[in-house]
Amino acid sequence: MQRFASVIRLRPEHEAEYRALHAAVWPTVLAALAKANVRNYSIFLRDGLLFSYLEYVGEDYAADMAQVAADPETQRWWTFTDPCQQPVDSAAQGEWWAPLEEVFHLD
C-alpha cells in the first residue's frame, strides 16, 4: 500500500458548493476510484486549503490514475469541482493538486 497526499486552494466563494458536492459524491465517481485501487480517501479543509489523503493498493499508480482521468463521469464531475479550486503558488506548471512529501509516518 502507498500513501499519497496533496493540496490545492479552495476558492472561498465556492466553499458551500464544494461542500455540497462532496456531501453527495456521485456513485460513479466513487466506483471509478475504487476500480483504480484507491482506498481510504479523505479531503480535509482548513483556512481555504484542501488537503487530500488516499491509500493506493494497486500495482501501477500512473496507469490507474490515467484510467480515472479517462472516465467520462469523473470528467463531468471535474467540470463542477475544478472551478472551485485553485492550485497553490508552489504547484508545478500544469499541476492541479500539488503532491506533498511524507516526512513522518507511524503505523
PDB file of N, CA and C in Angstrom:
ATOM      1  N   MET A   1       0.841  -1.179   0.000  1.00  0.00           N
ATOM      2  CA  MET A   1       0.000   0.000   0.000  1.00  0.00           C
ATOM      3  C   MET A   1       0.887   1.243   0.000  1.00  0.00           C
ATOM      4  N   GLN A   2       0.511   2.224  -0.803  1.00  0.00           N
ATOM      5  CA  GLN A   2       1.205   3.508  -0.854  1.00  0.00           C
ATOM      6  C   GLN A   2       0.265   4.603  -0.390  1.00  0.00           C
ATOM      7  N   ARG A   3       0.805   5.588   0.301  1.00  0.00           N
ATOM      8  CA  ARG A   3       0.021   6.738   0.757  1.00  0.00           C
ATOM      9  C   ARG A   3       0.353   7.940  -0.119  1.00  0.00           C
ATOM     10  N   PHE A   4      -0.676   8.712  -0.479  1.00  0.00           N
ATOM     11  CA  PHE A   4      -0.497   9.923  -1.271  1.00  0.00           C
ATOM     12  C   PHE A   4      -1.257  11.062  -0.602  1.00  0.00           C
ATOM     13  N   ALA A   5      -0.623  12.218  -0.535  1.00  0.00           N
ATOM     14  CA  ALA A   5      -1.265  13.414  -0.006  1.00  0.00           C
ATOM     15  C   ALA A   5      -0.983  14.562  -0.958  1.00  0.00           C
ATOM     16  N   SER A   6      -1.936  15.478  -1.063  1.00  0.00           N
ATOM     17  CA  SER A   6      -1.762  16.630  -1.941  1.00  0.00           C
ATOM     18  C   SER A   6      -2.618  17.780  -1.444  1.00  0.00           C
ATOM     19  N   VAL A   7      -2.326  18.976  -1.948  1.00  0.00           N
ATOM     20  CA  VAL A   7      -3.052  20.177  -1.533  1.00  0.00           C
ATOM     21  C   VAL A   7      -3.453  21.010  -2.740  1.00  0.00           C
ATOM     22  N   ILE A   8      -4.503  21.787  -2.526  1.00  0.00           N
ATOM     23  CA  ILE A   8      -4.966  22.765  -3.508  1.00  0.00           C
ATOM     24  C   ILE A   8      -5.779  23.805  -2.734  1.00  0.00           C
ATOM     25  N   ARG A   9      -5.882  24.978  -3.260  1.00  0.00           N
ATOM     26  CA  ARG A   9      -6.696  26.013  -2.600  1.00  0.00           C
ATOM     27  C   ARG A   9      -8.164  25.866  -2.999  1.00  0.00           C
ATOM     28  N   LEU A  10      -9.029  26.195  -2.062  1.00  0.00           N
ATOM     29  CA  LEU A  10     -10.468  26.256  -2.321  1.00  0.00           C
ATOM     30  C   LEU A  10     -10.838  27.721  -2.481  1.00  0.00           C
ATOM     31  N   ARG A  11     -11.448  28.056  -3.594  1.00  0.00           N
ATOM     32  CA  ARG A  11     -11.887  29.441  -3.793  1.00  0.00           C
ATOM     33  C   ARG A  11     -12.999  29.724  -2.787  1.00  0.00           C
ATOM     34  N   PRO A  12     -12.838  30.762  -1.964  1.00  0.00           N
ATOM     35  CA  PRO A  12     -13.793  30.992  -0.869  1.00  0.00           C
ATOM     36  C   PRO A  12     -15.238  31.158  -1.327  1.00  0.00           C
ATOM     37  N   GLU A  13     -15.427  31.729  -2.501  1.00  0.00           N
ATOM     38  CA  GLU A  13     -16.796  31.928  -2.991  1.00  0.00           C
ATOM     39  C   GLU A  13     -17.465  30.625  -3.422  1.00  0.00           C
ATOM     40  N   HIS A  14     -16.702  29.530  -3.482  1.00  0.00           N
ATOM     41  CA  HIS A  14     -17.234  28.235  -3.900  1.00  0.00           C
ATOM     42  C   HIS A  14     -17.277  27.204  -2.757  1.00  0.00           C
ATOM     43  N   GLU A  15     -16.987  27.640  -1.538  1.00  0.00           N
ATOM     44  CA  GLU A  15     -16.914  26.678  -0.441  1.00  0.00           C
ATOM     45  C   GLU A  15     -18.233  25.930  -0.234  1.00  0.00           C
ATOM     46  N   ALA A  16     -19.347  26.615  -0.206  1.00  0.00           N
ATOM     47  CA  ALA A  16     -20.638  25.958   0.018  1.00  0.00           C
ATOM     48  C   ALA A  16     -20.928  24.941  -1.088  1.00  0.00           C
ATOM     49  N   GLU A  17     -20.652  25.319  -2.322  1.00  0.00           N
ATOM     50  CA  GLU A  17     -20.872  24.416  -3.453  1.00  0.00           C
ATOM     51  C   GLU A  17     -19.978  23.179  -3.347  1.00  0.00           C
ATOM     52  N   TYR A  18     -18.714  23.378  -3.005  1.00  0.00           N
ATOM     53  CA  TYR A  18     -17.757  22.280  -2.889  1.00  0.00           C
ATOM     54  C   TYR A  18     -18.177  21.318  -1.783  1.00  0.00           C
ATOM     55  N   ARG A  19     -18.588  21.881  -0.660  1.00  0.00           N
ATOM     56  CA  ARG A  19     -19.063  21.039   0.445  1.00  0.00           C
ATOM     57  C   ARG A  19     -20.302  20.235   0.031  1.00  0.00           C
ATOM     58  N   ALA A  20     -21.220  20.879  -0.661  1.00  0.00           N
ATOM     59  CA  ALA A  20     -22.439  20.183  -1.110  1.00  0.00           C
ATOM     60  C   ALA A  20     -22.105  19.060  -2.079  1.00  0.00           C
ATOM     61  N   LEU A  21     -21.209  19.308  -3.009  1.00  0.00           N
ATOM     62  CA  LEU A  21     -20.805  18.263  -3.956  1.00  0.00           C
ATOM     63  C   LEU A  21     -20.234  17.051  -3.213  1.00  0.00           C
ATOM     64  N   HIS A  22     -19.389  17.310  -2.238  1.00  0.00           N
ATOM     65  CA  HIS A  22     -18.728  16.206  -1.543  1.00  0.00           C
ATOM     66  C   HIS A  22     -19.595  15.571  -0.460  1.00  0.00           C
ATOM     67  N   ALA A  23     -20.686  16.207  -0.131  1.00  0.00           N
ATOM     68  CA  ALA A  23     -21.654  15.581   0.782  1.00  0.00           C
ATOM     69  C   ALA A  23     -22.460  14.511   0.053  1.00  0.00           C
ATOM     70  N   ALA A  24     -22.432  14.552  -1.280  1.00  0.00           N
ATOM     71  CA  ALA A  24     -23.193  13.598  -2.096  1.00  0.00           C
ATOM     72  C   ALA A  24     -22.389  13.249  -3.351  1.00  0.00           C
ATOM     73  N   VAL A  25     -21.193  12.710  -3.151  1.00  0.00           N
ATOM     74  CA  VAL A  25     -20.340  12.351  -4.294  1.00  0.00           C
ATOM     75  C   VAL A  25     -21.069  11.328  -5.151  1.00  0.00           C
ATOM     76  N   TRP A  26     -20.986  11.501  -6.445  1.00  0.00           N
ATOM     77  CA  TRP A  26     -21.672  10.599  -7.373  1.00  0.00           C
ATOM     78  C   TRP A  26     -21.140   9.174  -7.212  1.00  0.00           C
ATOM     79  N   PRO A  27     -22.012   8.205  -7.163  1.00  0.00           N
ATOM     80  CA  PRO A  27     -21.579   6.801  -7.059  1.00  0.00           C
ATOM     81  C   PRO A  27     -20.653   6.365  -8.189  1.00  0.00           C
ATOM     82  N   THR A  28     -20.838   6.912  -9.379  1.00  0.00           N
ATOM     83  CA  THR A  28     -19.975   6.541 -10.496  1.00  0.00           C
ATOM     84  C   THR A  28     -18.541   7.025 -10.292  1.00  0.00           C
ATOM     85  N   VAL A  29     -18.376   8.173  -9.664  1.00  0.00           N
ATOM     86  CA  VAL A  29     -17.038   8.694  -9.364  1.00  0.00           C
ATOM     87  C   VAL A  29     -16.377   7.829  -8.297  1.00  0.00           C
ATOM     88  N   LEU A  30     -17.150   7.476  -7.280  1.00  0.00           N
ATOM     89  CA  LEU A  30     -16.622   6.591  -6.235  1.00  0.00           C
ATOM     90  C   LEU A  30     -16.231   5.232  -6.811  1.00  0.00           C
ATOM     91  N   ALA A  31     -17.032   4.726  -7.726  1.00  0.00           N
ATOM     92  CA  ALA A  31     -16.738   3.430  -8.350  1.00  0.00           C
ATOM     93  C   ALA A  31     -15.461   3.496  -9.183  1.00  0.00           C
ATOM     94  N   ALA A  32     -15.254   4.613  -9.893  1.00  0.00           N
ATOM     95  CA  ALA A  32     -14.032   4.761 -10.694  1.00  0.00           C
ATOM     96  C   ALA A  32     -12.802   4.775  -9.796  1.00  0.00           C
ATOM     97  N   LEU A  33     -12.896   5.449  -8.663  1.00  0.00           N
ATOM     98  CA  LEU A  33     -11.774   5.472  -7.725  1.00  0.00           C
ATOM     99  C   LEU A  33     -11.514   4.087  -7.143  1.00  0.00           C
ATOM    100  N   ALA A  34     -12.563   3.396  -6.761  1.00  0.00           N
ATOM    101  CA  ALA A  34     -12.394   2.042  -6.209  1.00  0.00           C
ATOM    102  C   ALA A  34     -11.785   1.102  -7.246  1.00  0.00           C
ATOM    103  N   LYS A  35     -12.249   1.201  -8.487  1.00  0.00           N
ATOM    104  CA  LYS A  35     -11.714   0.357  -9.564  1.00  0.00           C
ATOM    105  C   LYS A  35     -10.229   0.643  -9.800  1.00  0.00           C
ATOM    106  N   ALA A  36      -9.821   1.886  -9.514  1.00  0.00           N
ATOM    107  CA  ALA A  36      -8.427   2.297  -9.699  1.00  0.00           C
ATOM    108  C   ALA A  36      -7.577   2.037  -8.456  1.00  0.00           C
ATOM    109  N   ASN A  37      -8.091   1.209  -7.561  1.00  0.00           N
ATOM    110  CA  ASN A  37      -7.327   0.773  -6.383  1.00  0.00           C
ATOM    111  C   ASN A  37      -7.089   1.873  -5.349  1.00  0.00           C
ATOM    112  N   VAL A  38      -7.989   2.860  -5.295  1.00  0.00           N
ATOM    113  CA  VAL A  38      -7.909   3.917  -4.288  1.00  0.00           C
ATOM    114  C   VAL A  38      -8.754   3.500  -3.090  1.00  0.00           C
ATOM    115  N   ARG A  39      -8.162   3.630  -1.926  1.00  0.00           N
ATOM    116  CA  ARG A  39      -8.846   3.287  -0.678  1.00  0.00           C
ATOM    117  C   ARG A  39      -8.605   4.406   0.340  1.00  0.00           C
ATOM    118  N   ASN A  40      -9.431   4.442   1.360  1.00  0.00           N
ATOM    119  CA  ASN A  40      -9.243   5.350   2.496  1.00  0.00           C
ATOM    120  C   ASN A  40      -8.930   6.775   2.017  1.00  0.00           C
ATOM    121  N   TYR A  41      -9.799   7.300   1.163  1.00  0.00           N
ATOM    122  CA  TYR A  41      -9.596   8.613   0.547  1.00  0.00           C
ATOM    123  C   TYR A  41     -10.358   9.661   1.347  1.00  0.00           C
ATOM    124  N   SER A  42      -9.663  10.713   1.743  1.00  0.00           N
ATOM    125  CA  SER A  42     -10.265  11.812   2.501  1.00  0.00           C
ATOM    126  C   SER A  42      -9.798  13.140   1.949  1.00  0.00           C
ATOM    127  N   ILE A  43     -10.655  14.146   2.086  1.00  0.00           N
ATOM    128  CA  ILE A  43     -10.273  15.526   1.792  1.00  0.00           C
ATOM    129  C   ILE A  43     -10.621  16.341   3.033  1.00  0.00           C
ATOM    130  N   PHE A  44      -9.655  17.123   3.504  1.00  0.00           N
ATOM    131  CA  PHE A  44      -9.831  17.981   4.667  1.00  0.00           C
ATOM    132  C   PHE A  44      -9.728  19.439   4.227  1.00  0.00           C
ATOM    133  N   LEU A  45     -10.332  20.341   5.008  1.00  0.00           N
ATOM    134  CA  LEU A  45     -10.313  21.771   4.690  1.00  0.00           C
ATOM    135  C   LEU A  45      -9.899  22.565   5.925  1.00  0.00           C
ATOM    136  N   ARG A  46      -8.975  23.503   5.699  1.00  0.00           N
ATOM    137  CA  ARG A  46      -8.581  24.439   6.759  1.00  0.00           C
ATOM    138  C   ARG A  46      -8.079  25.720   6.104  1.00  0.00           C
ATOM    139  N   ASP A  47      -8.663  26.847   6.516  1.00  0.00           N
ATOM    140  CA  ASP A  47      -8.207  28.159   6.053  1.00  0.00           C
ATOM    141  C   ASP A  47      -8.056  28.238   4.531  1.00  0.00           C
ATOM    142  N   GLY A  48      -9.020  27.683   3.824  1.00  0.00           N
ATOM    143  CA  GLY A  48      -9.017  27.758   2.370  1.00  0.00           C
ATOM    144  C   GLY A  48      -8.097  26.775   1.677  1.00  0.00           C
ATOM    145  N   LEU A  49      -7.486  25.872   2.426  1.00  0.00           N
ATOM    146  CA  LEU A  49      -6.581  24.880   1.855  1.00  0.00           C
ATOM    147  C   LEU A  49      -7.211  23.497   1.968  1.00  0.00           C
ATOM    148  N   LEU A  50      -7.333  22.832   0.822  1.00  0.00           N
ATOM    149  CA  LEU A  50      -7.835  21.460   0.793  1.00  0.00           C
ATOM    150  C   LEU A  50      -6.646  20.508   0.858  1.00  0.00           C
ATOM    151  N   PHE A  51      -6.732  19.540   1.743  1.00  0.00           N
ATOM    152  CA  PHE A  51      -5.692  18.525   1.922  1.00  0.00           C
ATOM    153  C   PHE A  51      -6.318  17.182   1.595  1.00  0.00           C
ATOM    154  N   SER A  52      -5.731  16.481   0.648  1.00  0.00           N
ATOM    155  CA  SER A  52      -6.236  15.189   0.202  1.00  0.00           C
ATOM    156  C   SER A  52      -5.290  14.087   0.654  1.00  0.00           C
ATOM    157  N   TYR A  53      -5.871  12.992   1.139  1.00  0.00           N
ATOM    158  CA  TYR A  53      -5.080  11.821   1.535  1.00  0.00           C
ATOM    159  C   TYR A  53      -5.762  10.586   0.963  1.00  0.00           C
ATOM    160  N   LEU A  54      -4.961   9.695   0.379  1.00  0.00           N
ATOM    161  CA  LEU A  54      -5.516   8.433  -0.104  1.00  0.00           C
ATOM    162  C   LEU A  54      -4.480   7.334   0.026  1.00  0.00           C
ATOM    163  N   GLU A  55      -4.978   6.121   0.038  1.00  0.00           N
ATOM    164  CA  GLU A  55      -4.121   4.946   0.040  1.00  0.00           C
ATOM    165  C   GLU A  55      -4.345   4.201  -1.265  1.00  0.00           C
ATOM    166  N   TYR A  56      -3.250   3.812  -1.889  1.00  0.00           N
ATOM    167  CA  TYR A  56      -3.288   3.136  -3.179  1.00  0.00           C
ATOM    168  C   TYR A  56      -2.815   1.701  -2.990  1.00  0.00           C
ATOM    169  N   VAL A  57      -3.643   0.755  -3.435  1.00  0.00           N
ATOM    170  CA  VAL A  57      -3.336  -0.669  -3.225  1.00  0.00           C
ATOM    171  C   VAL A  57      -3.058  -1.416  -4.527  1.00  0.00           C
ATOM    172  N   GLY A  58      -2.880  -0.695  -5.611  1.00  0.00           N
ATOM    173  CA  GLY A  58      -2.634  -1.333  -6.904  1.00  0.00           C
ATOM    174  C   GLY A  58      -1.166  -1.505  -7.209  1.00  0.00           C
ATOM    175  N   GLU A  59      -0.895  -1.824  -8.476  1.00  0.00           N
ATOM    176  CA  GLU A  59       0.470  -2.093  -8.937  1.00  0.00           C
ATOM    177  C   GLU A  59       1.046  -0.958  -9.790  1.00  0.00           C
ATOM    178  N   ASP A  60       0.177  -0.161 -10.433  1.00  0.00           N
ATOM    179  CA  ASP A  60       0.644   0.871 -11.353  1.00  0.00           C
ATOM    180  C   ASP A  60      -0.194   2.135 -11.138  1.00  0.00           C
ATOM    181  N   TYR A  61       0.273   2.989 -10.241  1.00  0.00           N
ATOM    182  CA  TYR A  61      -0.465   4.190  -9.857  1.00  0.00           C
ATOM    183  C   TYR A  61      -0.744   5.097 -11.061  1.00  0.00           C
ATOM    184  N   ALA A  62       0.275   5.332 -11.872  1.00  0.00           N
ATOM    185  CA  ALA A  62       0.112   6.218 -13.026  1.00  0.00           C
ATOM    186  C   ALA A  62      -0.966   5.697 -13.976  1.00  0.00           C
ATOM    187  N   ALA A  63      -0.950   4.407 -14.250  1.00  0.00           N
ATOM    188  CA  ALA A  63      -1.948   3.826 -15.153  1.00  0.00           C
ATOM    189  C   ALA A  63      -3.343   3.897 -14.541  1.00  0.00           C
ATOM    190  N   ASP A  64      -3.439   3.612 -13.259  1.00  0.00           N
ATOM    191  CA  ASP A  64      -4.755   3.672 -12.614  1.00  0.00           C
ATOM    192  C   ASP A  64      -5.289   5.102 -12.560  1.00  0.00           C
ATOM    193  N   MET A  65      -4.427   6.090 -12.325  1.00  0.00           N
ATOM    194  CA  MET A  65      -4.885   7.479 -12.304  1.00  0.00           C
ATOM    195  C   MET A  65      -5.261   7.943 -13.716  1.00  0.00           C
ATOM    196  N   ALA A  66      -4.573   7.429 -14.728  1.00  0.00           N
ATOM    197  CA  ALA A  66      -4.953   7.734 -16.113  1.00  0.00           C
ATOM    198  C   ALA A  66      -6.331   7.157 -16.419  1.00  0.00           C
ATOM    199  N   GLN A  67      -6.616   5.987 -15.875  1.00  0.00           N
ATOM    200  CA  GLN A  67      -7.930   5.356 -16.045  1.00  0.00           C
ATOM    201  C   GLN A  67      -9.009   6.224 -15.403  1.00  0.00           C
ATOM    202  N   VAL A  68      -8.742   6.752 -14.226  1.00  0.00           N
ATOM    203  CA  VAL A  68      -9.703   7.650 -13.568  1.00  0.00           C
ATOM    204  C   VAL A  68      -9.906   8.892 -14.422  1.00  0.00           C
ATOM    205  N   ALA A  69      -8.816   9.483 -14.889  1.00  0.00           N
ATOM    206  CA  ALA A  69      -8.898  10.709 -15.687  1.00  0.00           C
ATOM    207  C   ALA A  69      -9.639  10.504 -17.004  1.00  0.00           C
ATOM    208  N   ALA A  70      -9.635   9.292 -17.528  1.00  0.00           N
ATOM    209  CA  ALA A  70     -10.318   8.993 -18.787  1.00  0.00           C
ATOM    210  C   ALA A  70     -11.796   8.672 -18.595  1.00  0.00           C
ATOM    211  N   ASP A  71     -12.213   8.471 -17.364  1.00  0.00           N
ATOM    212  CA  ASP A  71     -13.600   8.113 -17.079  1.00  0.00           C
ATOM    213  C   ASP A  71     -14.526   9.301 -17.374  1.00  0.00           C
ATOM    214  N   PRO A  72     -15.527   9.126 -18.247  1.00  0.00           N
ATOM    215  CA  PRO A  72     -16.406  10.243 -18.615  1.00  0.00           C
ATOM    216  C   PRO A  72     -17.164  10.860 -17.433  1.00  0.00           C
ATOM    217  N   GLU A  73     -17.610  10.050 -16.504  1.00  0.00           N
ATOM    218  CA  GLU A  73     -18.337  10.601 -15.356  1.00  0.00           C
ATOM    219  C   GLU A  73     -17.406  11.391 -14.430  1.00  0.00           C
ATOM    220  N   THR A  74     -16.174  10.925 -14.285  1.00  0.00           N
ATOM    221  CA  THR A  74     -15.206  11.675 -13.492  1.00  0.00           C
ATOM    222  C   THR A  74     -14.879  12.995 -14.177  1.00  0.00           C
ATOM    223  N   GLN A  75     -14.738  12.971 -15.490  1.00  0.00           N
ATOM    224  CA  GLN A  75     -14.500  14.204 -16.232  1.00  0.00           C
ATOM    225  C   GLN A  75     -15.654  15.183 -16.037  1.00  0.00           C
ATOM    226  N   ARG A  76     -16.872  14.668 -16.051  1.00  0.00           N
ATOM    227  CA  ARG A  76     -18.046  15.528 -15.828  1.00  0.00           C
ATOM    228  C   ARG A  76     -18.050  16.063 -14.404  1.00  0.00           C
ATOM    229  N   TRP A  77     -17.686  15.230 -13.416  1.00  0.00           N
ATOM    230  CA  TRP A  77     -17.587  15.646 -12.009  1.00  0.00           C
ATOM    231  C   TRP A  77     -16.604  16.816 -11.882  1.00  0.00           C
ATOM    232  N   TRP A  78     -15.477  16.702 -12.588  1.00  0.00           N
ATOM    233  CA  TRP A  78     -14.460  17.750 -12.509  1.00  0.00           C
ATOM    234  C   TRP A  78     -14.940  19.077 -13.087  1.00  0.00           C
ATOM    235  N   THR A  79     -15.937  19.049 -13.989  1.00  0.00           N
ATOM    236  CA  THR A  79     -16.471  20.325 -14.502  1.00  0.00           C
ATOM    237  C   THR A  79     -17.170  21.104 -13.393  1.00  0.00           C
ATOM    238  N   PHE A  80     -17.581  20.414 -12.342  1.00  0.00           N
ATOM    239  CA  PHE A  80     -18.198  21.067 -11.186  1.00  0.00           C
ATOM    240  C   PHE A  80     -17.162  21.420 -10.116  1.00  0.00           C
ATOM    241  N   THR A  81     -16.209  20.503  -9.864  1.00  0.00           N
ATOM    242  CA  THR A  81     -15.256  20.734  -8.776  1.00  0.00           C
ATOM    243  C   THR A  81     -14.096  21.642  -9.171  1.00  0.00           C
ATOM    244  N   ASP A  82     -13.602  21.532 -10.392  1.00  0.00           N
ATOM    245  CA  ASP A  82     -12.428  22.316 -10.790  1.00  0.00           C
ATOM    246  C   ASP A  82     -12.615  23.830 -10.636  1.00  0.00           C
ATOM    247  N   PRO A  83     -13.770  24.404 -10.991  1.00  0.00           N
ATOM    248  CA  PRO A  83     -13.923  25.847 -10.806  1.00  0.00           C
ATOM    249  C   PRO A  83     -13.865  26.283  -9.342  1.00  0.00           C
ATOM    250  N   CYS A  84     -14.026  25.341  -8.431  1.00  0.00           N
ATOM    251  CA  CYS A  84     -13.973  25.650  -7.001  1.00  0.00           C
ATOM    252  C   CYS A  84     -12.542  25.709  -6.483  1.00  0.00           C
ATOM    253  N   GLN A  85     -11.607  25.238  -7.275  1.00  0.00           N
ATOM    254  CA  GLN A  85     -10.234  25.059  -6.810  1.00  0.00           C
ATOM    255  C   GLN A  85      -9.257  25.975  -7.537  1.00  0.00           C
ATOM    256  N   GLN A  86      -8.113  26.184  -6.879  1.00  0.00           N
ATOM    257  CA  GLN A  86      -7.032  26.966  -7.472  1.00  0.00           C
ATOM    258  C   GLN A  86      -5.719  26.379  -6.976  1.00  0.00           C
ATOM    259  N   PRO A  87      -4.803  26.032  -7.875  1.00  0.00           N
ATOM    260  CA  PRO A  87      -3.527  25.452  -7.437  1.00  0.00           C
ATOM    261  C   PRO A  87      -2.790  26.364  -6.457  1.00  0.00           C
ATOM    262  N   VAL A  88      -2.031  25.756  -5.559  1.00  0.00           N
ATOM    263  CA  VAL A  88      -1.202  26.535  -4.641  1.00  0.00           C
ATOM    264  C   VAL A  88      -0.076  27.199  -5.435  1.00  0.00           C
ATOM    265  N   ASP A  89       0.487  28.253  -4.871  1.00  0.00           N
ATOM    266  CA  ASP A  89       1.520  29.021  -5.574  1.00  0.00           C
ATOM    267  C   ASP A  89       2.728  28.173  -5.959  1.00  0.00           C
ATOM    268  N   SER A  90       3.052  27.176  -5.156  1.00  0.00           N
ATOM    269  CA  SER A  90       4.238  26.361  -5.420  1.00  0.00           C
ATOM    270  C   SER A  90       3.982  25.185  -6.364  1.00  0.00           C
ATOM    271  N   ALA A  91       2.772  25.055  -6.879  1.00  0.00           N
ATOM    272  CA  ALA A  91       2.467  23.961  -7.810  1.00  0.00           C
ATOM    273  C   ALA A  91       3.303  24.109  -9.075  1.00  0.00           C
ATOM    274  N   ALA A  92       3.723  22.984  -9.613  1.00  0.00           N
ATOM    275  CA  ALA A  92       4.475  22.986 -10.866  1.00  0.00           C
ATOM    276  C   ALA A  92       3.566  23.421 -12.012  1.00  0.00           C
ATOM    277  N   GLN A  93       4.156  23.851 -13.088  1.00  0.00           N
ATOM    278  CA  GLN A  93       3.398  24.257 -14.268  1.00  0.00           C
ATOM    279  C   GLN A  93       2.465  23.129 -14.702  1.00  0.00           C
ATOM    280  N   GLY A  94       1.177  23.409 -14.836  1.00  0.00           N
ATOM    281  CA  GLY A  94       0.204  22.420 -15.258  1.00  0.00           C
ATOM    282  C   GLY A  94      -0.258  21.478 -14.161  1.00  0.00           C
ATOM    283  N   GLU A  95       0.267  21.627 -12.962  1.00  0.00           N
ATOM    284  CA  GLU A  95      -0.105  20.753 -11.840  1.00  0.00           C
ATOM    285  C   GLU A  95      -1.352  21.313 -11.158  1.00  0.00           C
ATOM    286  N   TRP A  96      -2.292  20.458 -10.848  1.00  0.00           N
ATOM    287  CA  TRP A  96      -3.523  20.886 -10.195  1.00  0.00           C
ATOM    288  C   TRP A  96      -3.366  20.667  -8.698  1.00  0.00           C
ATOM    289  N   TRP A  97      -3.635  19.471  -8.204  1.00  0.00           N
ATOM    290  CA  TRP A  97      -3.374  19.128  -6.810  1.00  0.00           C
ATOM    291  C   TRP A  97      -1.859  18.929  -6.677  1.00  0.00           C
ATOM    292  N   ALA A  98      -1.223  19.680  -5.791  1.00  0.00           N
ATOM    293  CA  ALA A  98       0.228  19.587  -5.615  1.00  0.00           C
ATOM    294  C   ALA A  98       0.558  18.481  -4.609  1.00  0.00           C
ATOM    295  N   PRO A  99       1.415  17.544  -4.994  1.00  0.00           N
ATOM    296  CA  PRO A  99       1.747  16.446  -4.090  1.00  0.00           C
ATOM    297  C   PRO A  99       2.572  16.927  -2.901  1.00  0.00           C
ATOM    298  N   LEU A 100       2.377  16.243  -1.780  1.00  0.00           N
ATOM    299  CA  LEU A 100       3.125  16.527  -0.568  1.00  0.00           C
ATOM    300  C   LEU A 100       4.154  15.433  -0.331  1.00  0.00           C
ATOM    301  N   GLU A 101       5.250  15.801   0.283  1.00  0.00           N
ATOM    302  CA  GLU A 101       6.279  14.837   0.640  1.00  0.00           C
ATOM    303  C   GLU A 101       6.003  14.320   2.047  1.00  0.00           C
ATOM    304  N   GLU A 102       5.995  13.029   2.202  1.00  0.00           N
ATOM    305  CA  GLU A 102       5.813  12.454   3.529  1.00  0.00           C
ATOM    306  C   GLU A 102       7.120  12.556   4.290  1.00  0.00           C
ATOM    307  N   VAL A 103       7.067  13.181   5.458  1.00  0.00           N
ATOM    308  CA  VAL A 103       8.268  13.327   6.282  1.00  0.00           C
ATOM    309  C   VAL A 103       8.196  12.532   7.582  1.00  0.00           C
ATOM    310  N   PHE A 104       7.022  11.960   7.866  1.00  0.00           N
ATOM    311  CA  PHE A 104       6.872  11.137   9.053  1.00  0.00           C
ATOM    312  C   PHE A 104       5.657  10.241   8.892  1.00  0.00           C
ATOM    313  N   HIS A 105       5.764   9.035   9.426  1.00  0.00           N
ATOM    314  CA  HIS A 105       4.633   8.110   9.429  1.00  0.00           C
ATOM    315  C   HIS A 105       4.760   7.167  10.619  1.00  0.00           C
ATOM    316  N   LEU A 106       3.643   6.887  11.259  1.00  0.00           N
ATOM    317  CA  LEU A 106       3.586   5.929  12.351  1.00  0.00           C
ATOM    318  C   LEU A 106       2.400   5.022  12.125  1.00  0.00           C
ATOM    319  N   ASP A 107       2.632   3.729  12.056  1.00  0.00           N
ATOM    320  CA  ASP A 107       1.521   2.760  11.960  1.00  0.00           C
ATOM    321  C   ASP A 107       1.032   2.438  13.347  1.00  0.00           C
TER     322      ASP A 107
END
